[in-house]
Amino acid sequence: MKLSMRGMTLAAAFLWGGCILFVGLLNLAFPDYGMNFLRMISSVYPWFHASRSFPDVLIGTGDGLVDGAVAGFLFAWLYNVFSGRPHQI
């Protein structure tokens, strides 16, 4: 069975971007919520800063969408490569 490259790319992008958006919005409403998570994310994504501002939440979401899409694409590609017929290994 092969994975859909487009489906996995979109699913991972929306999942990871949505996660950062969700935590970022909750952090705007409740200042202590997810602060350690957002600091960790800001150490990985160079344009995102855990400064509790709406533009930063959008930047983090965009970074998460791109990162999730790349990770989902690579996962689906690797899965499809290694799930080929047994004599190809």
PDB file of N, CA and C in Angstrom:
ATOM      1  N   MET A   1       0.845  -1.175   0.000  1.00  0.00           N
ATOM      2  CA  MET A   1       0.000   0.000   0.000  1.00  0.00           C
ATOM      3  C   MET A   1       0.888   1.233   0.000  1.00  0.00           C
ATOM      4  N   LYS A   2       0.539   2.190  -0.810  1.00  0.00           N
ATOM      5  CA  LYS A   2       1.292   3.439  -0.914  1.00  0.00           C
ATOM      6  C   LYS A   2       0.515   4.556  -0.221  1.00  0.00           C
ATOM      7  N   LEU A   3       1.259   5.513   0.318  1.00  0.00           N
ATOM      8  CA  LEU A   3       0.641   6.698   0.914  1.00  0.00           C
ATOM      9  C   LEU A   3       0.488   7.774  -0.150  1.00  0.00           C
ATOM     10  N   SER A   4      -0.559   8.547  -0.030  1.00  0.00           N
ATOM     11  CA  SER A   4      -0.747   9.689  -0.915  1.00  0.00           C
ATOM     12  C   SER A   4       0.223  10.790  -0.496  1.00  0.00           C
ATOM     13  N   MET A   5       1.085  11.190  -1.409  1.00  0.00           N
ATOM     14  CA  MET A   5       2.074  12.233  -1.099  1.00  0.00           C
ATOM     15  C   MET A   5       1.358  13.552  -0.790  1.00  0.00           C
ATOM     16  N   ARG A   6       0.381  13.897  -1.609  1.00  0.00           N
ATOM     17  CA  ARG A   6      -0.326  15.150  -1.401  1.00  0.00           C
ATOM     18  C   ARG A   6      -1.130  15.112  -0.114  1.00  0.00           C
ATOM     19  N   GLY A   7      -1.811  14.001   0.136  1.00  0.00           N
ATOM     20  CA  GLY A   7      -2.617  13.877   1.344  1.00  0.00           C
ATOM     21  C   GLY A   7      -1.779  13.964   2.613  1.00  0.00           C
ATOM     22  N   MET A   8      -0.656  13.263   2.626  1.00  0.00           N
ATOM     23  CA  MET A   8       0.207  13.285   3.806  1.00  0.00           C
ATOM     24  C   MET A   8       0.841  14.666   3.990  1.00  0.00           C
ATOM     25  N   THR A   9       1.232  15.302   2.903  1.00  0.00           N
ATOM     26  CA  THR A   9       1.813  16.644   2.979  1.00  0.00           C
ATOM     27  C   THR A   9       0.815  17.621   3.581  1.00  0.00           C
ATOM     28  N   LEU A  10      -0.412  17.606   3.089  1.00  0.00           N
ATOM     29  CA  LEU A  10      -1.432  18.525   3.595  1.00  0.00           C
ATOM     30  C   LEU A  10      -1.831  18.205   5.039  1.00  0.00           C
ATOM     31  N   ALA A  11      -1.972  16.930   5.346  1.00  0.00           N
ATOM     32  CA  ALA A  11      -2.369  16.545   6.703  1.00  0.00           C
ATOM     33  C   ALA A  11      -1.324  16.963   7.722  1.00  0.00           C
ATOM     34  N   ALA A  12      -0.063  16.712   7.438  1.00  0.00           N
ATOM     35  CA  ALA A  12       1.004  17.086   8.378  1.00  0.00           C
ATOM     36  C   ALA A  12       1.124  18.600   8.492  1.00  0.00           C
ATOM     37  N   ALA A  13       0.968  19.309   7.383  1.00  0.00           N
ATOM     38  CA  ALA A  13       1.053  20.768   7.410  1.00  0.00           C
ATOM     39  C   ALA A  13      -0.059  21.352   8.279  1.00  0.00           C
ATOM     40  N   PHE A  14      -1.284  20.906   8.065  1.00  0.00           N
ATOM     41  CA  PHE A  14      -2.405  21.447   8.841  1.00  0.00           C
ATOM     42  C   PHE A  14      -2.346  21.021  10.304  1.00  0.00           C
ATOM     43  N   LEU A  15      -1.861  19.825  10.553  1.00  0.00           N
ATOM     44  CA  LEU A  15      -1.757  19.359  11.935  1.00  0.00           C
ATOM     45  C   LEU A  15      -0.726  20.176  12.715  1.00  0.00           C
ATOM     46  N   TRP A  16       0.485  20.334  12.179  1.00  0.00           N
ATOM     47  CA  TRP A  16       1.531  21.047  12.897  1.00  0.00           C
ATOM     48  C   TRP A  16       1.272  22.558  12.916  1.00  0.00           C
ATOM     49  N   GLY A  17       0.848  23.118  11.788  1.00  0.00           N
ATOM     50  CA  GLY A  17       0.509  24.547  11.764  1.00  0.00           C
ATOM     51  C   GLY A  17      -0.663  24.852  12.682  1.00  0.00           C
ATOM     52  N   GLY A  18      -1.663  23.969  12.699  1.00  0.00           N
ATOM     53  CA  GLY A  18      -2.816  24.142  13.579  1.00  0.00           C
ATOM     54  C   GLY A  18      -2.452  24.037  15.039  1.00  0.00           C
ATOM     55  N   CYS A  19      -1.516  23.168  15.350  1.00  0.00           N
ATOM     56  CA  CYS A  19      -1.060  23.023  16.730  1.00  0.00           C
ATOM     57  C   CYS A  19      -0.413  24.313  17.220  1.00  0.00           C
ATOM     58  N   ILE A  20       0.457  24.889  16.406  1.00  0.00           N
ATOM     59  CA  ILE A  20       1.117  26.136  16.797  1.00  0.00           C
ATOM     60  C   ILE A  20       0.100  27.264  16.880  1.00  0.00           C
ATOM     61  N   LEU A  21      -0.850  27.322  15.949  1.00  0.00           N
ATOM     62  CA  LEU A  21      -1.897  28.340  15.992  1.00  0.00           C
ATOM     63  C   LEU A  21      -2.741  28.206  17.257  1.00  0.00           C
ATOM     64  N   PHE A  22      -3.159  27.000  17.565  1.00  0.00           N
ATOM     65  CA  PHE A  22      -4.005  26.748  18.728  1.00  0.00           C
ATOM     66  C   PHE A  22      -3.299  27.154  20.025  1.00  0.00           C
ATOM     67  N   VAL A  23      -2.059  26.711  20.194  1.00  0.00           N
ATOM     68  CA  VAL A  23      -1.316  27.051  21.416  1.00  0.00           C
ATOM     69  C   VAL A  23      -1.027  28.547  21.465  1.00  0.00           C
ATOM     70  N   GLY A  24      -0.691  29.131  20.314  1.00  0.00           N
ATOM     71  CA  GLY A  24      -0.426  30.571  20.273  1.00  0.00           C
ATOM     72  C   GLY A  24      -1.641  31.403  20.637  1.00  0.00           C
ATOM     73  N   LEU A  25      -2.814  31.032  20.136  1.00  0.00           N
ATOM     74  CA  LEU A  25      -4.034  31.774  20.464  1.00  0.00           C
ATOM     75  C   LEU A  25      -4.420  31.593  21.932  1.00  0.00           C
ATOM     76  N   LEU A  26      -4.270  30.374  22.436  1.00  0.00           N
ATOM     77  CA  LEU A  26      -4.550  30.170  23.862  1.00  0.00           C
ATOM     78  C   LEU A  26      -3.574  30.946  24.739  1.00  0.00           C
ATOM     79  N   ASN A  27      -2.335  31.083  24.282  1.00  0.00           N
ATOM     80  CA  ASN A  27      -1.351  31.851  25.031  1.00  0.00           C
ATOM     81  C   ASN A  27      -1.710  33.331  25.048  1.00  0.00           C
ATOM     82  N   LEU A  28      -2.337  33.825  23.986  1.00  0.00           N
ATOM     83  CA  LEU A  28      -2.779  35.224  23.987  1.00  0.00           C
ATOM     84  C   LEU A  28      -3.892  35.440  25.015  1.00  0.00           C
ATOM     85  N   ALA A  29      -4.753  34.442  25.191  1.00  0.00           N
ATOM     86  CA  ALA A  29      -5.858  34.554  26.144  1.00  0.00           C
ATOM     87  C   ALA A  29      -5.412  34.259  27.577  1.00  0.00           C
ATOM     88  N   PHE A  30      -4.535  33.281  27.735  1.00  0.00           N
ATOM     89  CA  PHE A  30      -4.039  32.876  29.059  1.00  0.00           C
ATOM     90  C   PHE A  30      -2.509  32.925  29.022  1.00  0.00           C
ATOM     91  N   PRO A  31      -1.904  33.977  29.561  1.00  0.00           N
ATOM     92  CA  PRO A  31      -0.465  34.221  29.382  1.00  0.00           C
ATOM     93  C   PRO A  31       0.473  33.082  29.776  1.00  0.00           C
ATOM     94  N   ASP A  32       0.109  32.256  30.728  1.00  0.00           N
ATOM     95  CA  ASP A  32       1.007  31.179  31.139  1.00  0.00           C
ATOM     96  C   ASP A  32       0.873  29.926  30.286  1.00  0.00           C
ATOM     97  N   TYR A  33      -0.204  29.823  29.519  1.00  0.00           N
ATOM     98  CA  TYR A  33      -0.477  28.593  28.781  1.00  0.00           C
ATOM     99  C   TYR A  33       0.528  28.399  27.639  1.00  0.00           C
ATOM    100  N   GLY A  34       1.218  27.287  27.638  1.00  0.00           N
ATOM    101  CA  GLY A  34       2.081  26.885  26.535  1.00  0.00           C
ATOM    102  C   GLY A  34       3.325  27.723  26.332  1.00  0.00           C
ATOM    103  N   MET A  35       3.719  28.509  27.321  1.00  0.00           N
ATOM    104  CA  MET A  35       4.862  29.399  27.128  1.00  0.00           C
ATOM    105  C   MET A  35       6.151  28.618  26.878  1.00  0.00           C
ATOM    106  N   ASN A  36       6.362  27.529  27.583  1.00  0.00           N
ATOM    107  CA  ASN A  36       7.573  26.730  27.346  1.00  0.00           C
ATOM    108  C   ASN A  36       7.577  26.134  25.941  1.00  0.00           C
ATOM    109  N   PHE A  37       6.420  25.677  25.474  1.00  0.00           N
ATOM    110  CA  PHE A  37       6.300  25.150  24.117  1.00  0.00           C
ATOM    111  C   PHE A  37       6.626  26.234  23.088  1.00  0.00           C
ATOM    112  N   LEU A  38       6.080  27.439  23.285  1.00  0.00           N
ATOM    113  CA  LEU A  38       6.319  28.525  22.331  1.00  0.00           C
ATOM    114  C   LEU A  38       7.775  28.980  22.354  1.00  0.00           C
ATOM    115  N   ARG A  39       8.401  28.964  23.507  1.00  0.00           N
ATOM    116  CA  ARG A  39       9.829  29.296  23.577  1.00  0.00           C
ATOM    117  C   ARG A  39      10.657  28.261  22.822  1.00  0.00           C
ATOM    118  N   MET A  40      10.285  26.988  22.972  1.00  0.00           N
ATOM    119  CA  MET A  40      11.000  25.943  22.250  1.00  0.00           C
ATOM    120  C   MET A  40      10.837  26.127  20.741  1.00  0.00           C
ATOM    121  N   ILE A  41       9.622  26.417  20.314  1.00  0.00           N
ATOM    122  CA  ILE A  41       9.364  26.637  18.892  1.00  0.00           C
ATOM    123  C   ILE A  41      10.141  27.846  18.389  1.00  0.00           C
ATOM    124  N   SER A  42      10.214  28.899  19.188  1.00  0.00           N
ATOM    125  CA  SER A  42      10.948  30.098  18.757  1.00  0.00           C
ATOM    126  C   SER A  42      12.444  29.833  18.666  1.00  0.00           C
ATOM    127  N   SER A  43      12.947  28.825  19.369  1.00  0.00           N
ATOM    128  CA  SER A  43      14.365  28.496  19.245  1.00  0.00           C
ATOM    129  C   SER A  43      14.651  27.727  17.959  1.00  0.00           C
ATOM    130  N   VAL A  44      13.616  27.153  17.347  1.00  0.00           N
ATOM    131  CA  VAL A  44      13.788  26.386  16.117  1.00  0.00           C
ATOM    132  C   VAL A  44      13.492  27.230  14.885  1.00  0.00           C
ATOM    133  N   TYR A  45      12.440  28.040  14.932  1.00  0.00           N
ATOM    134  CA  TYR A  45      12.044  28.853  13.789  1.00  0.00           C
ATOM    135  C   TYR A  45      12.608  30.261  13.942  1.00  0.00           C
ATOM    136  N   PRO A  46      13.469  30.695  13.025  1.00  0.00           N
ATOM    137  CA  PRO A  46      14.164  31.975  13.207  1.00  0.00           C
ATOM    138  C   PRO A  46      13.275  33.216  13.166  1.00  0.00           C
ATOM    139  N   TRP A  47      12.136  33.176  12.476  1.00  0.00           N
ATOM    140  CA  TRP A  47      11.297  34.371  12.381  1.00  0.00           C
ATOM    141  C   TRP A  47      10.217  34.440  13.447  1.00  0.00           C
ATOM    142  N   PHE A  48      10.040  33.365  14.180  1.00  0.00           N
ATOM    143  CA  PHE A  48       9.007  33.328  15.212  1.00  0.00           C
ATOM    144  C   PHE A  48       9.607  33.702  16.565  1.00  0.00           C
ATOM    145  N   HIS A  49       8.910  34.578  17.279  1.00  0.00           N
ATOM    146  CA  HIS A  49       9.338  34.975  18.623  1.00  0.00           C
ATOM    147  C   HIS A  49       8.160  34.781  19.569  1.00  0.00           C
ATOM    148  N   ALA A  50       8.410  34.254  20.729  1.00  0.00           N
ATOM    149  CA  ALA A  50       7.354  34.016  21.724  1.00  0.00           C
ATOM    150  C   ALA A  50       7.076  35.305  22.485  1.00  0.00           C
ATOM    151  N   SER A  51       6.603  36.310  21.755  1.00  0.00           N
ATOM    152  CA  SER A  51       6.403  37.633  22.355  1.00  0.00           C
ATOM    153  C   SER A  51       4.940  37.929  22.681  1.00  0.00           C
ATOM    154  N   ARG A  52       4.063  36.920  22.521  1.00  0.00           N
ATOM    155  CA  ARG A  52       2.645  37.069  22.815  1.00  0.00           C
ATOM    156  C   ARG A  52       1.990  38.161  21.972  1.00  0.00           C
ATOM    157  N   SER A  53       2.243  38.166  20.690  1.00  0.00           N
ATOM    158  CA  SER A  53       1.567  39.094  19.793  1.00  0.00           C
ATOM    159  C   SER A  53       0.915  38.292  18.662  1.00  0.00           C
ATOM    160  N   PHE A  54      -0.186  38.824  18.140  1.00  0.00           N
ATOM    161  CA  PHE A  54      -0.915  38.119  17.094  1.00  0.00           C
ATOM    162  C   PHE A  54      -0.085  37.934  15.815  1.00  0.00           C
ATOM    163  N   PRO A  55       0.678  38.957  15.376  1.00  0.00           N
ATOM    164  CA  PRO A  55       1.523  38.716  14.189  1.00  0.00           C
ATOM    165  C   PRO A  55       2.530  37.581  14.389  1.00  0.00           C
ATOM    166  N   ASP A  56       3.076  37.460  15.591  1.00  0.00           N
ATOM    167  CA  ASP A  56       4.000  36.354  15.848  1.00  0.00           C
ATOM    168  C   ASP A  56       3.290  35.005  15.817  1.00  0.00           C
ATOM    169  N   VAL A  57       2.050  34.962  16.263  1.00  0.00           N
ATOM    170  CA  VAL A  57       1.274  33.717  16.178  1.00  0.00           C
ATOM    171  C   VAL A  57       1.078  33.339  14.711  1.00  0.00           C
ATOM    172  N   LEU A  58       0.789  34.315  13.865  1.00  0.00           N
ATOM    173  CA  LEU A  58       0.616  34.034  12.433  1.00  0.00           C
ATOM    174  C   LEU A  58       1.921  33.597  11.784  1.00  0.00           C
ATOM    175  N   ILE A  59       3.031  34.207  12.173  1.00  0.00           N
ATOM    176  CA  ILE A  59       4.336  33.814  11.635  1.00  0.00           C
ATOM    177  C   ILE A  59       4.668  32.387  12.063  1.00  0.00           C
ATOM    178  N   GLY A  60       4.427  32.078  13.328  1.00  0.00           N
ATOM    179  CA  GLY A  60       4.666  30.719  13.811  1.00  0.00           C
ATOM    180  C   GLY A  60       3.790  29.703  13.113  1.00  0.00           C
ATOM    181  N   THR A  61       2.542  30.079  12.852  1.00  0.00           N
ATOM    182  CA  THR A  61       1.630  29.187  12.127  1.00  0.00           C
ATOM    183  C   THR A  61       2.136  28.936  10.714  1.00  0.00           C
ATOM    184  N   GLY A  62       2.582  29.989  10.050  1.00  0.00           N
ATOM    185  CA  GLY A  62       3.136  29.833   8.700  1.00  0.00           C
ATOM    186  C   GLY A  62       4.374  28.950   8.694  1.00  0.00           C
ATOM    187  N   ASP A  63       5.254  29.173   9.659  1.00  0.00           N
ATOM    188  CA  ASP A  63       6.445  28.322   9.776  1.00  0.00           C
ATOM    189  C   ASP A  63       6.047  26.869  10.018  1.00  0.00           C
ATOM    190  N   GLY A  64       5.048  26.660  10.875  1.00  0.00           N
ATOM    191  CA  GLY A  64       4.577  25.311  11.166  1.00  0.00           C
ATOM    192  C   GLY A  64       3.952  24.645   9.952  1.00  0.00           C
ATOM    193  N   LEU A  65       3.220  25.419   9.153  1.00  0.00           N
ATOM    194  CA  LEU A  65       2.627  24.865   7.935  1.00  0.00           C
ATOM    195  C   LEU A  65       3.705  24.378   6.967  1.00  0.00           C
ATOM    196  N   VAL A  66       4.729  25.201   6.782  1.00  0.00           N
ATOM    197  CA  VAL A  66       5.813  24.832   5.864  1.00  0.00           C
ATOM    198  C   VAL A  66       6.591  23.640   6.408  1.00  0.00           C
ATOM    199  N   ASP A  67       6.941  23.695   7.685  1.00  0.00           N
ATOM    200  CA  ASP A  67       7.707  22.612   8.302  1.00  0.00           C
ATOM    201  C   ASP A  67       6.918  21.305   8.292  1.00  0.00           C
ATOM    202  N   GLY A  68       5.639  21.380   8.632  1.00  0.00           N
ATOM    203  CA  GLY A  68       4.797  20.188   8.609  1.00  0.00           C
ATOM    204  C   GLY A  68       4.647  19.615   7.209  1.00  0.00           C
ATOM    205  N   ALA A  69       4.528  20.499   6.207  1.00  0.00           N
ATOM    206  CA  ALA A  69       4.403  20.036   4.825  1.00  0.00           C
ATOM    207  C   ALA A  69       5.661  19.310   4.380  1.00  0.00           C
ATOM    208  N   VAL A  70       6.811  19.864   4.700  1.00  0.00           N
ATOM    209  CA  VAL A  70       8.071  19.219   4.319  1.00  0.00           C
ATOM    210  C   VAL A  70       8.206  17.869   5.025  1.00  0.00           C
ATOM    211  N   ALA A  71       7.916  17.846   6.320  1.00  0.00           N
ATOM    212  CA  ALA A  71       8.022  16.592   7.078  1.00  0.00           C
ATOM    213  C   ALA A  71       7.032  15.550   6.560  1.00  0.00           C
ATOM    214  N   GLY A  72       5.800  15.955   6.277  1.00  0.00           N
ATOM    215  CA  GLY A  72       4.803  15.022   5.750  1.00  0.00           C
ATOM    216  C   GLY A  72       5.179  14.476   4.390  1.00  0.00           C
ATOM    217  N   PHE A  73       5.710  15.347   3.529  1.00  0.00           N
ATOM    218  CA  PHE A  73       6.141  14.907   2.201  1.00  0.00           C
ATOM    219  C   PHE A  73       7.280  13.901   2.309  1.00  0.00           C
ATOM    220  N   LEU A  74       8.283  14.230   3.142  1.00  0.00           N
ATOM    221  CA  LEU A  74       9.423  13.323   3.303  1.00  0.00           C
ATOM    222  C   LEU A  74       9.000  11.987   3.914  1.00  0.00           C
ATOM    223  N   PHE A  75       8.100  12.038   4.888  1.00  0.00           N
ATOM    224  CA  PHE A  75       7.618  10.797   5.496  1.00  0.00           C
ATOM    225  C   PHE A  75       6.912   9.924   4.459  1.00  0.00           C
ATOM    226  N   ALA A  76       6.003  10.523   3.678  1.00  0.00           N
ATOM    227  CA  ALA A  76       5.272   9.756   2.666  1.00  0.00           C
ATOM    228  C   ALA A  76       6.225   9.207   1.606  1.00  0.00           C
ATOM    229  N   TRP A  77       7.192  10.009   1.195  1.00  0.00           N
ATOM    230  CA  TRP A  77       8.150   9.565   0.192  1.00  0.00           C
ATOM    231  C   TRP A  77       8.970   8.392   0.712  1.00  0.00           C
ATOM    232  N   LEU A  78       9.503   8.522   1.936  1.00  0.00           N
ATOM    233  CA  LEU A  78      10.287   7.428   2.514  1.00  0.00           C
ATOM    234  C   LEU A  78       9.442   6.173   2.718  1.00  0.00           C
ATOM    235  N   TYR A  79       8.228   6.350   3.190  1.00  0.00           N
ATOM    236  CA  TYR A  79       7.336   5.202   3.371  1.00  0.00           C
ATOM    237  C   TYR A  79       7.110   4.487   2.046  1.00  0.00           C
ATOM    238  N   ASN A  80       6.835   5.254   0.999  1.00  0.00           N
ATOM    239  CA  ASN A  80       6.582   4.652  -0.307  1.00  0.00           C
ATOM    240  C   ASN A  80       7.832   3.974  -0.874  1.00  0.00           C
ATOM    241  N   VAL A  81       8.995   4.529  -0.596  1.00  0.00           N
ATOM    242  CA  VAL A  81      10.235   3.905  -1.062  1.00  0.00           C
ATOM    243  C   VAL A  81      10.446   2.565  -0.363  1.00  0.00           C
ATOM    244  N   PHE A  82      10.263   2.524   0.942  1.00  0.00           N
ATOM    245  CA  PHE A  82      10.557   1.313   1.702  1.00  0.00           C
ATOM    246  C   PHE A  82       9.407   0.308   1.736  1.00  0.00           C
ATOM    247  N   SER A  83       8.233   0.697   1.281  1.00  0.00           N
ATOM    248  CA  SER A  83       7.118  -0.251   1.279  1.00  0.00           C
ATOM    249  C   SER A  83       6.925  -0.906  -0.083  1.00  0.00           C
ATOM    250  N   GLY A  84       7.932  -0.828  -0.918  1.00  0.00           N
ATOM    251  CA  GLY A  84       7.863  -1.451  -2.238  1.00  0.00           C
ATOM    252  C   GLY A  84       7.858  -2.960  -2.137  1.00  0.00           C
ATOM    253  N   ARG A  85       7.950  -3.594  -3.260  1.00  0.00           N
ATOM    254  CA  ARG A  85       7.959  -5.069  -3.277  1.00  0.00           C
ATOM    255  C   ARG A  85       9.166  -5.604  -2.520  1.00  0.00           C
ATOM    256  N   PRO A  86       9.005  -6.732  -1.810  1.00  0.00           N
ATOM    257  CA  PRO A  86      10.088  -7.261  -0.964  1.00  0.00           C
ATOM    258  C   PRO A  86      11.397  -7.535  -1.701  1.00  0.00           C
ATOM    259  N   HIS A  87      11.352  -7.925  -2.981  1.00  0.00           N
ATOM    260  CA  HIS A  87      12.602  -8.244  -3.668  1.00  0.00           C
ATOM    261  C   HIS A  87      13.407  -6.996  -4.030  1.00  0.00           C
ATOM    262  N   GLN A  88      12.851  -5.813  -3.847  1.00  0.00           N
ATOM    263  CA  GLN A  88      13.575  -4.584  -4.141  1.00  0.00           C
ATOM    264  C   GLN A  88      14.492  -4.151  -3.010  1.00  0.00           C
ATOM    265  N   ILE A  89      14.336  -4.723  -1.837  1.00  0.00           N
ATOM    266  CA  ILE A  89      15.119  -4.277  -0.675  1.00  0.00           C
ATOM    267  C   ILE A  89      16.519  -4.830  -0.716  1.00  0.00           C
TER     268      ILE A  89
END
